[in-house]
Amino acid sequence: FTGFAWLFLGYAGTATWFAGWASLTGVLGTSFVMAWLAGNLVYLYQSWRASGKFFRSGWPVIIMLVPVLALSWWLSLVRWTEPDGSRVDVSLVQADISLADKWRPENRQNLVQTYLSASAAIGTADLIVWPEAALPMMLDQVPGHYLEQIRAMDAALVFGVLDRELEPDTVKLYNGLAAIDSSNDDGEGIQVYHKRHL
């Protein structure tokens, strides 16, 4: 288990009444509310099947369900955030290449060129985002002419990258995030964030 759970139940509630719970309780709390409601609905159904009398056996559960559903609906109406600052146009670029082909050295130049060409064809965007480990090489292996082409783009670029720190007796490997913004270049060139935990 990597610690980055993609399959929490709460994610299924993002476009429903349950989305409001996420601002208060996070994905785990939203998952709990959804599981609790589902369990109670199953209990109501089982009680009705066993006794044939829906309200007589299920009224305590109904009394608990109604306020939770009402609160879920009310929470979904709350505006938890407000726009701040100017609008940012973001474009996402994803190369259509299988993982088996991506890491073959003979495909490296073609893949990098695919990302550069697709990014250049976007037109107007403030930010372009490439996926995790977009380039099949370490950051220190990215040729300088590719970095110059990236800097020449009108948009800032954020991309996933593999990085390493070479020390006298060890090599530390990182799954990182790199950012290049030539319009706001402070002389550092590439800014890199190393993930601590997935």
Protein backbone atom coordinates (compact mmCIF):
# COMPACT_ATOMS: atom_id res chain seq x y z
CA PHE A 1 0.00 0.00 0.00
CA THR A 2 1.59 3.24 -1.13
CA GLY A 3 -0.54 5.55 0.93
CA PHE A 4 -2.16 7.15 -2.10
CA ALA A 5 -5.61 5.58 -2.18
CA TRP A 6 -7.43 6.07 -5.46
CA LEU A 7 -10.39 3.92 -4.53
CA PHE A 8 -11.92 5.49 -1.43
CA LEU A 9 -15.70 5.41 -1.58
CA GLY A 10 -15.86 9.15 -0.91
CA TYR A 11 -14.45 9.93 -4.36
CA ALA A 12 -17.64 8.51 -5.87
CA GLY A 13 -19.57 11.28 -4.12
CA THR A 14 -17.76 14.23 -5.68
CA ALA A 15 -20.62 15.17 -8.02
CA THR A 16 -23.43 14.35 -5.58
CA TRP A 17 -25.00 15.74 -2.42
CA PHE A 18 -22.20 14.07 -0.46
CA ALA A 19 -19.51 16.38 -1.88
CA GLY A 20 -20.19 18.93 0.87
CA TRP A 21 -18.98 16.47 3.50
CA ALA A 22 -15.50 16.48 1.95
CA SER A 23 -14.86 20.08 3.00
CA LEU A 24 -15.60 19.18 6.61
CA THR A 25 -14.42 15.60 6.97
CA GLY A 26 -12.23 14.85 3.96
CA VAL A 27 -12.54 11.78 1.78
CA LEU A 28 -12.54 9.41 4.75
CA GLY A 29 -15.45 11.17 6.43
CA THR A 30 -17.35 11.30 3.14
CA SER A 31 -16.68 7.58 2.69
CA PHE A 32 -18.01 6.90 6.19
CA VAL A 33 -21.23 8.88 5.59
CA MET A 34 -21.84 7.11 2.28
CA ALA A 35 -21.14 3.66 3.76
CA TRP A 36 -23.32 4.42 6.80
CA LEU A 37 -26.23 5.50 4.60
CA ALA A 38 -25.81 2.48 2.31
CA GLY A 39 -25.71 0.13 5.31
CA ASN A 40 -28.87 1.64 6.75
CA LEU A 41 -30.68 1.37 3.43
CA VAL A 42 -29.73 -2.31 3.24
CA TYR A 43 -30.98 -2.74 6.82
CA LEU A 44 -34.31 -1.13 5.87
CA TYR A 45 -34.66 -3.41 2.87
CA GLN A 46 -33.81 -6.52 4.88
CA SER A 47 -36.26 -5.51 7.63
CA TRP A 48 -39.01 -4.97 5.09
CA ARG A 49 -38.32 -8.36 3.46
CA ALA A 50 -38.33 -10.14 6.83
CA SER A 51 -41.48 -8.54 8.30
CA GLY A 52 -43.31 -7.18 5.29
CA LYS A 53 -43.88 -3.96 7.24
CA PHE A 54 -41.55 -1.23 6.12
CA PHE A 55 -42.37 1.59 8.54
CA ARG A 56 -43.00 -0.48 11.64
CA SER A 57 -39.57 -2.12 11.64
CA GLY A 58 -37.61 0.67 10.00
CA TRP A 59 -38.80 3.89 11.62
CA PRO A 60 -35.77 4.31 13.93
CA VAL A 61 -33.45 4.08 10.91
CA ILE A 62 -35.62 6.46 8.90
CA ILE A 63 -35.46 8.98 11.75
CA MET A 64 -31.64 8.83 11.54
CA LEU A 65 -31.47 8.87 7.73
CA VAL A 66 -33.63 11.93 7.11
CA PRO A 67 -31.44 14.44 9.03
CA VAL A 68 -28.23 13.05 7.50
CA LEU A 69 -29.69 13.29 3.99
CA ALA A 70 -30.98 16.81 4.70
CA LEU A 71 -27.59 17.86 6.06
CA SER A 72 -25.88 16.32 3.02
CA TRP A 73 -28.14 18.34 0.73
CA TRP A 74 -27.52 21.55 2.70
CA LEU A 75 -23.73 21.01 2.73
CA SER A 76 -23.78 20.57 -1.05
CA LEU A 77 -25.26 24.09 -1.38
CA VAL A 78 -22.53 25.80 0.64
CA ARG A 79 -19.85 27.60 -1.42
CA TRP A 80 -16.70 26.47 0.32
CA THR A 81 -14.35 28.45 -1.90
CA GLU A 82 -14.42 31.66 -3.92
CA PRO A 83 -12.36 32.67 -6.95
CA ASP A 84 -9.34 34.80 -6.11
CA GLY A 85 -7.20 36.59 -8.63
CA SER A 86 -7.30 36.30 -12.39
CA ARG A 87 -8.34 33.24 -14.32
CA VAL A 88 -5.65 30.71 -15.23
CA ASP A 89 -6.01 28.70 -18.44
CA VAL A 90 -4.58 25.21 -17.96
CA SER A 91 -3.97 22.60 -20.66
CA LEU A 92 -3.16 18.95 -20.03
CA VAL A 93 -0.97 16.93 -22.39
CA GLN A 94 -0.87 13.13 -22.27
CA ALA A 95 1.09 11.11 -24.82
CA ASP A 96 -0.62 8.03 -26.20
CA ILE A 97 2.13 5.49 -25.58
CA SER A 98 2.11 2.26 -23.61
CA LEU A 99 4.31 1.93 -20.54
CA ALA A 100 6.13 -0.96 -22.18
CA ASP A 101 7.16 1.31 -25.07
CA LYS A 102 7.69 4.45 -23.01
CA TRP A 103 10.78 3.19 -21.20
CA ARG A 104 12.58 1.81 -24.26
CA PRO A 105 15.61 4.00 -25.02
CA GLU A 106 14.90 3.97 -28.75
CA ASN A 107 11.51 5.66 -28.13
CA ARG A 108 12.87 8.41 -25.87
CA GLN A 109 13.45 11.11 -28.50
CA ASN A 110 10.09 10.49 -30.19
CA LEU A 111 8.23 10.69 -26.87
CA VAL A 112 9.90 13.93 -25.82
CA GLN A 113 9.21 15.42 -29.24
CA THR A 114 5.57 14.32 -28.96
CA TYR A 115 5.18 16.25 -25.72
CA LEU A 116 6.93 19.32 -27.10
CA SER A 117 4.89 19.31 -30.34
CA ALA A 118 1.59 18.79 -28.52
CA SER A 119 2.43 21.58 -26.08
CA ALA A 120 3.42 23.98 -28.85
CA ALA A 121 0.15 23.27 -30.70
CA ILE A 122 -1.99 24.32 -27.73
CA GLY A 123 -1.94 28.00 -28.57
CA THR A 124 -2.86 30.12 -25.57
CA ALA A 125 -2.49 28.67 -22.11
CA ASP A 126 -1.04 30.01 -18.90
CA LEU A 127 0.00 26.59 -17.64
CA ILE A 128 0.68 23.27 -19.39
CA VAL A 129 0.74 20.08 -17.33
CA TRP A 130 2.43 16.85 -18.34
CA PRO A 131 1.82 13.64 -16.37
CA GLU A 132 3.87 11.90 -13.70
CA ALA A 133 7.24 10.70 -15.02
CA ALA A 134 6.37 12.19 -18.40
CA LEU A 135 9.94 11.99 -19.67
CA PRO A 136 11.51 8.52 -19.57
CA MET A 137 14.79 9.75 -18.09
CA MET A 138 16.26 11.34 -15.02
CA LEU A 139 16.04 15.12 -14.80
CA ASP A 140 19.80 15.48 -15.16
CA GLN A 141 19.59 13.45 -18.41
CA VAL A 142 17.13 15.82 -20.13
CA PRO A 143 19.12 17.41 -22.99
CA GLY A 144 19.65 21.15 -22.75
CA HIS A 145 18.05 21.83 -26.14
CA TYR A 146 14.78 20.29 -24.87
CA LEU A 147 14.86 22.57 -21.84
CA GLU A 148 15.45 25.56 -24.12
CA GLN A 149 12.43 24.60 -26.23
CA ILE A 150 10.37 24.39 -23.04
CA ARG A 151 11.59 27.80 -21.87
CA ALA A 152 10.66 29.25 -25.28
CA MET A 153 6.98 28.33 -24.77
CA ASP A 154 4.64 31.14 -23.76
CA ALA A 155 3.15 29.01 -20.98
CA ALA A 156 4.61 27.72 -17.74
CA LEU A 157 5.15 23.96 -17.70
CA VAL A 158 4.71 21.54 -14.81
CA PHE A 159 5.69 17.93 -15.36
CA GLY A 160 6.40 14.79 -13.40
CA VAL A 161 10.03 13.78 -13.46
CA LEU A 162 12.40 11.24 -12.00
CA ASP A 163 15.25 12.87 -10.15
CA ARG A 164 18.31 11.78 -8.22
CA GLU A 165 20.85 13.12 -5.79
CA LEU A 166 24.31 11.70 -6.21
CA GLU A 167 26.24 11.40 -2.97
CA PRO A 168 29.70 9.90 -2.45
CA ASP A 169 28.44 6.47 -1.39
CA THR A 170 24.73 6.48 -2.29
CA VAL A 171 22.22 7.60 -4.88
CA LYS A 172 18.87 8.95 -3.70
CA LEU A 173 16.06 8.51 -6.22
CA TYR A 174 12.93 10.69 -6.23
CA ASN A 175 9.61 10.84 -7.99
CA GLY A 176 9.34 14.57 -8.44
CA LEU A 177 7.54 17.48 -9.96
CA ALA A 178 9.39 20.08 -12.01
CA ALA A 179 8.22 23.55 -12.97
CA ILE A 180 9.61 25.85 -15.65
CA ASP A 181 8.18 29.34 -16.10
CA SER A 182 10.24 31.57 -18.38
CA SER A 183 7.88 34.53 -17.84
CA ASN A 184 8.72 34.52 -14.14
CA ASP A 185 12.29 33.30 -14.33
CA ASP A 186 14.18 34.12 -11.17
CA GLY A 187 17.43 32.71 -12.49
CA GLU A 188 16.95 29.29 -10.90
CA GLY A 189 15.70 27.75 -14.12
CA ILE A 190 13.86 24.62 -12.99
CA GLN A 191 12.11 24.36 -9.66
CA VAL A 192 11.79 20.77 -8.40
CA TYR A 193 9.66 19.25 -5.68
CA HIS A 194 10.48 15.73 -4.43
CA LYS A 195 7.52 13.71 -3.27
CA ARG A 196 7.82 12.53 0.30
CA HIS A 197 4.85 10.18 0.35
CA LEU A 198 2.55 8.97 -2.38
